[in-house]
Structures are given as structure tokens and as C-alpha cells.
Amino acid sequence: MAYLTIARISGDPDQLLADYRRASAVMDQVGHDHGLILHAGAQTSDGLLLVNLWPSKDGSEAAAADPRRLAAIEQATLTPNRFHREHHELERYFITT
């Protein structure tokens, strides 16, 4: 069953967006390597909103533990208290082309 992760990162929206852009190539590769179906990121008034769609919970958890992802987060000096995450098993999803 597909797995949805939603993350909100609080902080200076402009700084977070700059960090997000710098890490995007690494994060894209991590997602690719762990089966990511879809990623969307948006700047918000109080930080960033990230949405990921995975084929399974296992892919999400493997990506979360990937050393490349952890290094990118550390380089951006993001601390766990700035993250709010939600995880949901999906009933269905539809992607158009």
C-alpha cells in the first residue's frame, strides 16, 4: 500500500528555501534510490511544507535513515524540534500526465 509523508519545517522561510534548493540534488537521488513516487515542496509563511509519496512505508523509512539525507539535514543545521511529520497509509492515489 502506498505511503504518504507530510513534513512541516519551521523557521525562516527564505533561509529554509535556500537550504532546500542547495540540498535538492542529493535529496532527489535519495528519493530515487528508495522508490519515491512523488515529491512536492512549498515555502510557507512559517517555513517549508514537504509532501512525499512512497510505494511503501519501508521506502520512506529507508530514505529517512539514508546517510546522505542525514548529512544534508545536518549541513542545513536543522534540528528535530523544527520538524512536524505526519505519516499515512493511502487508500489510493491518481497521477495524470
N, C-alpha and C. Protein backbone atom coordinates (compact mmCIF):
# COMPACT_ATOMS: atom_id res chain seq x y z
N MET A 1 0.84 -1.19 0.00
CA MET A 1 0.00 0.00 0.00
C MET A 1 0.88 1.25 0.00
N ALA A 2 0.50 2.25 -0.75
CA ALA A 2 1.27 3.49 -0.84
C ALA A 2 1.29 4.21 0.52
N TYR A 3 2.30 5.03 0.70
CA TYR A 3 2.56 5.67 1.98
C TYR A 3 2.85 7.15 1.75
N LEU A 4 2.14 8.00 2.47
CA LEU A 4 2.26 9.45 2.33
C LEU A 4 2.97 10.02 3.55
N THR A 5 3.96 10.87 3.30
CA THR A 5 4.60 11.60 4.40
C THR A 5 4.42 13.09 4.14
N ILE A 6 4.08 13.80 5.20
CA ILE A 6 3.92 15.25 5.15
C ILE A 6 4.81 15.81 6.25
N ALA A 7 5.67 16.74 5.88
CA ALA A 7 6.57 17.35 6.86
C ALA A 7 6.47 18.86 6.77
N ARG A 8 6.39 19.47 7.93
CA ARG A 8 6.46 20.93 8.04
C ARG A 8 7.73 21.24 8.81
N ILE A 9 8.53 22.15 8.25
CA ILE A 9 9.76 22.58 8.91
C ILE A 9 9.60 24.05 9.25
N SER A 10 9.71 24.37 10.52
CA SER A 10 9.53 25.75 10.94
C SER A 10 10.87 26.49 10.95
N GLY A 11 10.79 27.76 10.68
CA GLY A 11 11.98 28.60 10.68
C GLY A 11 11.84 29.71 9.65
N ASP A 12 12.93 30.41 9.42
CA ASP A 12 12.94 31.49 8.45
C ASP A 12 12.66 30.92 7.06
N PRO A 13 11.53 31.28 6.45
CA PRO A 13 11.16 30.69 5.16
C PRO A 13 12.20 30.89 4.06
N ASP A 14 12.82 32.06 4.00
CA ASP A 14 13.82 32.32 2.96
C ASP A 14 15.07 31.47 3.15
N GLN A 15 15.53 31.35 4.38
CA GLN A 15 16.71 30.53 4.66
C GLN A 15 16.41 29.06 4.40
N LEU A 16 15.23 28.60 4.82
CA LEU A 16 14.86 27.20 4.59
C LEU A 16 14.75 26.91 3.09
N LEU A 17 14.20 27.84 2.33
CA LEU A 17 14.08 27.65 0.89
C LEU A 17 15.47 27.58 0.24
N ALA A 18 16.38 28.42 0.69
CA ALA A 18 17.75 28.38 0.16
C ALA A 18 18.41 27.04 0.49
N ASP A 19 18.25 26.56 1.71
CA ASP A 19 18.81 25.26 2.10
C ASP A 19 18.17 24.14 1.30
N TYR A 20 16.87 24.21 1.09
CA TYR A 20 16.12 23.22 0.32
C TYR A 20 16.66 23.15 -1.11
N ARG A 21 16.87 24.28 -1.70
CA ARG A 21 17.39 24.31 -3.06
C ARG A 21 18.81 23.73 -3.14
N ARG A 22 19.65 24.05 -2.15
CA ARG A 22 21.03 23.53 -2.14
C ARG A 22 21.05 22.01 -2.01
N ALA A 23 20.12 21.46 -1.25
CA ALA A 23 20.11 20.01 -0.98
C ALA A 23 19.27 19.22 -1.98
N SER A 24 18.63 19.89 -2.91
CA SER A 24 17.64 19.20 -3.76
C SER A 24 18.25 18.07 -4.59
N ALA A 25 19.42 18.23 -5.14
CA ALA A 25 20.01 17.17 -5.96
C ALA A 25 20.28 15.91 -5.13
N VAL A 26 20.83 16.09 -3.94
CA VAL A 26 21.09 14.96 -3.05
C VAL A 26 19.78 14.31 -2.63
N MET A 27 18.83 15.12 -2.21
CA MET A 27 17.55 14.57 -1.75
C MET A 27 16.80 13.88 -2.89
N ASP A 28 16.88 14.42 -4.09
CA ASP A 28 16.25 13.77 -5.23
C ASP A 28 16.85 12.39 -5.47
N GLN A 29 18.16 12.28 -5.35
CA GLN A 29 18.82 10.99 -5.56
C GLN A 29 18.44 9.99 -4.46
N VAL A 30 18.38 10.46 -3.22
CA VAL A 30 17.95 9.60 -2.12
C VAL A 30 16.53 9.09 -2.39
N GLY A 31 15.64 9.99 -2.77
CA GLY A 31 14.27 9.58 -3.08
C GLY A 31 14.24 8.57 -4.20
N HIS A 32 14.96 8.85 -5.27
CA HIS A 32 15.02 7.93 -6.41
C HIS A 32 15.49 6.54 -5.97
N ASP A 33 16.55 6.50 -5.17
CA ASP A 33 17.14 5.24 -4.74
C ASP A 33 16.22 4.42 -3.85
N HIS A 34 15.24 5.07 -3.23
CA HIS A 34 14.33 4.37 -2.32
C HIS A 34 12.90 4.31 -2.85
N GLY A 35 12.72 4.58 -4.15
CA GLY A 35 11.43 4.35 -4.80
C GLY A 35 10.43 5.48 -4.71
N LEU A 36 10.86 6.68 -4.39
CA LEU A 36 9.94 7.81 -4.28
C LEU A 36 9.09 7.97 -5.54
N ILE A 37 7.79 8.11 -5.37
CA ILE A 37 6.87 8.28 -6.48
C ILE A 37 6.69 9.76 -6.81
N LEU A 38 6.56 10.58 -5.77
CA LEU A 38 6.29 12.00 -5.96
C LEU A 38 6.84 12.78 -4.78
N HIS A 39 7.42 13.93 -5.08
CA HIS A 39 7.85 14.88 -4.05
C HIS A 39 7.33 16.25 -4.43
N ALA A 40 6.83 16.98 -3.45
CA ALA A 40 6.42 18.37 -3.65
C ALA A 40 6.90 19.18 -2.45
N GLY A 41 7.41 20.36 -2.72
CA GLY A 41 7.88 21.24 -1.66
C GLY A 41 7.37 22.64 -1.90
N ALA A 42 6.99 23.31 -0.82
CA ALA A 42 6.47 24.67 -0.93
C ALA A 42 6.92 25.51 0.26
N GLN A 43 7.28 26.75 -0.03
CA GLN A 43 7.57 27.71 1.02
C GLN A 43 6.25 28.15 1.64
N THR A 44 6.22 28.26 2.96
CA THR A 44 5.03 28.74 3.66
C THR A 44 5.40 29.99 4.45
N SER A 45 4.43 30.58 5.09
CA SER A 45 4.69 31.81 5.85
C SER A 45 5.58 31.56 7.06
N ASP A 46 5.65 30.30 7.53
CA ASP A 46 6.47 30.00 8.70
C ASP A 46 7.50 28.90 8.46
N GLY A 47 7.82 28.62 7.18
CA GLY A 47 8.84 27.62 6.91
C GLY A 47 8.65 26.92 5.58
N LEU A 48 8.69 25.59 5.60
CA LEU A 48 8.55 24.76 4.41
C LEU A 48 7.53 23.67 4.65
N LEU A 49 6.85 23.29 3.58
CA LEU A 49 5.94 22.15 3.58
C LEU A 49 6.46 21.17 2.55
N LEU A 50 6.65 19.91 2.95
CA LEU A 50 7.15 18.86 2.06
C LEU A 50 6.17 17.70 2.06
N VAL A 51 5.88 17.19 0.87
CA VAL A 51 4.97 16.05 0.72
C VAL A 51 5.67 15.00 -0.12
N ASN A 52 5.70 13.77 0.38
CA ASN A 52 6.32 12.66 -0.35
C ASN A 52 5.35 11.51 -0.45
N LEU A 53 5.33 10.88 -1.60
CA LEU A 53 4.52 9.69 -1.83
C LEU A 53 5.46 8.54 -2.14
N TRP A 54 5.36 7.49 -1.34
CA TRP A 54 6.23 6.32 -1.43
C TRP A 54 5.40 5.09 -1.80
N PRO A 55 6.03 4.11 -2.41
CA PRO A 55 5.29 2.88 -2.70
C PRO A 55 4.97 2.09 -1.43
N SER A 56 5.75 2.32 -0.36
CA SER A 56 5.53 1.59 0.90
C SER A 56 6.17 2.36 2.06
N LYS A 57 5.80 1.97 3.25
CA LYS A 57 6.40 2.54 4.45
C LYS A 57 7.90 2.23 4.50
N ASP A 58 8.27 1.04 4.04
CA ASP A 58 9.69 0.65 4.05
C ASP A 58 10.56 1.62 3.25
N GLY A 59 10.08 2.05 2.09
CA GLY A 59 10.84 3.00 1.29
C GLY A 59 11.02 4.32 2.01
N SER A 60 9.97 4.79 2.64
CA SER A 60 10.03 6.04 3.40
C SER A 60 11.03 5.94 4.54
N GLU A 61 10.97 4.85 5.27
CA GLU A 61 11.87 4.68 6.42
C GLU A 61 13.32 4.51 5.97
N ALA A 62 13.54 3.81 4.86
CA ALA A 62 14.90 3.65 4.35
C ALA A 62 15.47 5.00 3.91
N ALA A 63 14.67 5.81 3.25
CA ALA A 63 15.13 7.13 2.83
C ALA A 63 15.42 8.01 4.05
N ALA A 64 14.57 7.94 5.06
CA ALA A 64 14.76 8.76 6.26
C ALA A 64 16.07 8.42 6.96
N ALA A 65 16.51 7.18 6.87
CA ALA A 65 17.74 6.75 7.54
C ALA A 65 18.96 6.84 6.63
N ASP A 66 18.79 7.24 5.40
CA ASP A 66 19.89 7.30 4.44
C ASP A 66 20.94 8.32 4.91
N PRO A 67 22.20 7.92 4.97
CA PRO A 67 23.26 8.83 5.45
C PRO A 67 23.37 10.12 4.62
N ARG A 68 23.07 10.05 3.34
CA ARG A 68 23.14 11.26 2.51
C ARG A 68 22.09 12.27 2.95
N ARG A 69 20.88 11.79 3.25
CA ARG A 69 19.81 12.67 3.73
C ARG A 69 20.18 13.26 5.09
N LEU A 70 20.67 12.41 5.97
CA LEU A 70 21.04 12.88 7.30
C LEU A 70 22.14 13.93 7.25
N ALA A 71 23.10 13.76 6.35
CA ALA A 71 24.18 14.75 6.19
C ALA A 71 23.65 16.07 5.66
N ALA A 72 22.71 16.01 4.72
CA ALA A 72 22.13 17.25 4.17
C ALA A 72 21.36 18.00 5.25
N ILE A 73 20.64 17.29 6.09
CA ILE A 73 19.89 17.94 7.17
C ILE A 73 20.86 18.56 8.17
N GLU A 74 21.93 17.83 8.49
CA GLU A 74 22.93 18.36 9.41
C GLU A 74 23.61 19.59 8.85
N GLN A 75 23.92 19.57 7.56
CA GLN A 75 24.58 20.71 6.93
C GLN A 75 23.68 21.95 6.96
N ALA A 76 22.37 21.73 6.87
CA ALA A 76 21.42 22.86 6.93
C ALA A 76 21.13 23.27 8.37
N THR A 77 21.78 22.61 9.32
CA THR A 77 21.61 22.86 10.75
C THR A 77 20.14 22.80 11.19
N LEU A 78 19.43 21.80 10.66
CA LEU A 78 18.05 21.60 11.07
C LEU A 78 18.01 20.66 12.27
N THR A 79 17.29 21.06 13.29
CA THR A 79 17.16 20.25 14.49
C THR A 79 15.79 19.58 14.51
N PRO A 80 15.69 18.42 15.16
CA PRO A 80 14.43 17.67 15.17
C PRO A 80 13.23 18.47 15.68
N ASN A 81 13.44 19.40 16.58
CA ASN A 81 12.31 20.16 17.12
C ASN A 81 11.68 21.10 16.10
N ARG A 82 12.33 21.28 14.96
CA ARG A 82 11.78 22.15 13.91
C ARG A 82 10.93 21.39 12.92
N PHE A 83 10.89 20.05 13.04
CA PHE A 83 10.12 19.19 12.14
C PHE A 83 8.82 18.75 12.79
N HIS A 84 7.75 18.80 12.04
CA HIS A 84 6.49 18.16 12.42
C HIS A 84 6.13 17.24 11.26
N ARG A 85 6.00 15.94 11.56
CA ARG A 85 5.75 14.96 10.49
C ARG A 85 4.43 14.23 10.71
N GLU A 86 3.82 13.90 9.59
CA GLU A 86 2.64 13.03 9.57
C GLU A 86 2.92 11.91 8.58
N HIS A 87 2.41 10.73 8.89
CA HIS A 87 2.57 9.58 8.01
C HIS A 87 1.22 8.90 7.87
N HIS A 88 0.86 8.53 6.63
CA HIS A 88 -0.45 7.94 6.39
C HIS A 88 -0.37 6.85 5.34
N GLU A 89 -1.03 5.72 5.60
CA GLU A 89 -1.24 4.70 4.58
C GLU A 89 -2.32 5.24 3.65
N LEU A 90 -2.09 5.18 2.35
CA LEU A 90 -3.06 5.73 1.40
C LEU A 90 -4.06 4.68 0.95
N GLU A 91 -5.26 5.10 0.80
CA GLU A 91 -6.29 4.27 0.20
C GLU A 91 -6.07 4.17 -1.31
N ARG A 92 -5.76 5.32 -1.92
CA ARG A 92 -5.49 5.34 -3.36
C ARG A 92 -4.84 6.66 -3.73
N TYR A 93 -4.24 6.68 -4.89
CA TYR A 93 -3.76 7.92 -5.47
C TYR A 93 -3.88 7.82 -6.98
N PHE A 94 -3.90 8.96 -7.62
CA PHE A 94 -4.06 9.04 -9.07
C PHE A 94 -3.12 10.12 -9.57
N ILE A 95 -2.32 9.80 -10.57
CA ILE A 95 -1.42 10.78 -11.17
C ILE A 95 -1.75 10.87 -12.65
N THR A 96 -1.97 12.10 -13.12
CA THR A 96 -2.24 12.32 -14.54
C THR A 96 -0.97 12.77 -15.22
N THR A 97 -0.93 12.63 -16.51
CA THR A 97 0.25 13.10 -17.24
C THR A 97 -0.12 14.24 -18.16
